[in-house]
Amino acid sequence: MDSFYRGTLLVIVLALAILCYQIGFTKESYAVVGLGVILELSFWVGLYRKTQR
């Protein structure tokens, strides 16, 4: 995957995680906070994943 697209995708995933945290804590919804955690974990895994060539 091209580094530009990978970086853009990671920024979008992190923004969605922050949005889920904001909505989840405001509405006291554990499901939305859980979705935010999953999105944030996918951000960190994607950030540190080594590319195989």
C-alpha atoms as a PDB file:
ATOM      1  CA  MET A   1       0.000   0.000   0.000  1.00  0.00           C
ATOM      2  CA  ASP A   2       1.316   3.422  -0.859  1.00  0.00           C
ATOM      3  CA  SER A   3       2.538   5.338   2.184  1.00  0.00           C
ATOM      4  CA  PHE A   4       0.296   8.337   1.408  1.00  0.00           C
ATOM      5  CA  TYR A   5      -2.850   6.201   1.361  1.00  0.00           C
ATOM      6  CA  ARG A   6      -1.745   4.293   4.440  1.00  0.00           C
ATOM      7  CA  GLY A   7      -1.091   7.523   6.347  1.00  0.00           C
ATOM      8  CA  THR A   8      -4.403   9.003   5.249  1.00  0.00           C
ATOM      9  CA  LEU A   9      -6.254   5.880   6.312  1.00  0.00           C
ATOM     10  CA  LEU A  10      -4.546   5.926   9.719  1.00  0.00           C
ATOM     11  CA  VAL A  11      -5.494   9.577  10.269  1.00  0.00           C
ATOM     12  CA  ILE A  12      -9.117   8.814   9.355  1.00  0.00           C
ATOM     13  CA  VAL A  13      -9.216   5.826  11.726  1.00  0.00           C
ATOM     14  CA  LEU A  14      -7.781   7.910  14.570  1.00  0.00           C
ATOM     15  CA  ALA A  15     -10.279  10.711  13.914  1.00  0.00           C
ATOM     16  CA  LEU A  16     -13.133   8.194  13.998  1.00  0.00           C
ATOM     17  CA  ALA A  17     -11.812   6.772  17.279  1.00  0.00           C
ATOM     18  CA  ILE A  18     -11.751  10.234  18.849  1.00  0.00           C
ATOM     19  CA  LEU A  19     -15.267  10.897  17.571  1.00  0.00           C
ATOM     20  CA  CYS A  20     -16.493   7.593  19.046  1.00  0.00           C
ATOM     21  CA  TYR A  21     -14.907   8.461  22.401  1.00  0.00           C
ATOM     22  CA  GLN A  22     -16.562  11.862  22.369  1.00  0.00           C
ATOM     23  CA  ILE A  23     -20.016  10.481  21.540  1.00  0.00           C
ATOM     24  CA  GLY A  24     -19.660   7.504  23.868  1.00  0.00           C
ATOM     25  CA  PHE A  25     -18.650   9.500  26.924  1.00  0.00           C
ATOM     26  CA  THR A  26     -21.310  12.134  26.283  1.00  0.00           C
ATOM     27  CA  LYS A  27     -24.132   9.611  25.855  1.00  0.00           C
ATOM     28  CA  GLU A  28     -22.635   7.145  28.387  1.00  0.00           C
ATOM     29  CA  SER A  29     -22.696   4.382  25.797  1.00  0.00           C
ATOM     30  CA  TYR A  30     -20.171   1.630  26.401  1.00  0.00           C
ATOM     31  CA  ALA A  31     -20.698   0.170  22.921  1.00  0.00           C
ATOM     32  CA  VAL A  32     -19.536   3.381  21.228  1.00  0.00           C
ATOM     33  CA  VAL A  33     -16.558   3.680  23.581  1.00  0.00           C
ATOM     34  CA  GLY A  34     -15.716   0.048  22.782  1.00  0.00           C
ATOM     35  CA  LEU A  35     -15.827   0.855  19.075  1.00  0.00           C
ATOM     36  CA  GLY A  36     -13.452   3.749  19.749  1.00  0.00           C
ATOM     37  CA  VAL A  37     -11.045   1.407  21.528  1.00  0.00           C
ATOM     38  CA  ILE A  38     -11.119  -1.011  18.594  1.00  0.00           C
ATOM     39  CA  LEU A  39     -10.485   1.819  16.131  1.00  0.00           C
ATOM     40  CA  GLU A  40      -7.620   3.166  18.226  1.00  0.00           C
ATOM     41  CA  LEU A  41      -6.041  -0.285  18.482  1.00  0.00           C
ATOM     42  CA  SER A  42      -6.259  -0.661  14.716  1.00  0.00           C
ATOM     43  CA  PHE A  43      -4.517   2.720  14.398  1.00  0.00           C
ATOM     44  CA  TRP A  44      -1.605   1.651  16.603  1.00  0.00           C
ATOM     45  CA  VAL A  45      -1.291  -1.756  14.929  1.00  0.00           C
ATOM     46  CA  GLY A  46      -1.328  -0.081  11.511  1.00  0.00           C
ATOM     47  CA  LEU A  47       1.217   2.490  12.593  1.00  0.00           C
ATOM     48  CA  TYR A  48       3.775  -0.040  13.800  1.00  0.00           C
ATOM     49  CA  ARG A  49       3.108  -2.824  11.300  1.00  0.00           C
ATOM     50  CA  LYS A  50       6.115  -3.626   9.172  1.00  0.00           C
ATOM     51  CA  THR A  51       5.545  -3.805   5.463  1.00  0.00           C
ATOM     52  CA  GLN A  52       6.658  -6.991   3.738  1.00  0.00           C
ATOM     53  CA  ARG A  53       8.201  -6.700   0.315  1.00  0.00           C
END
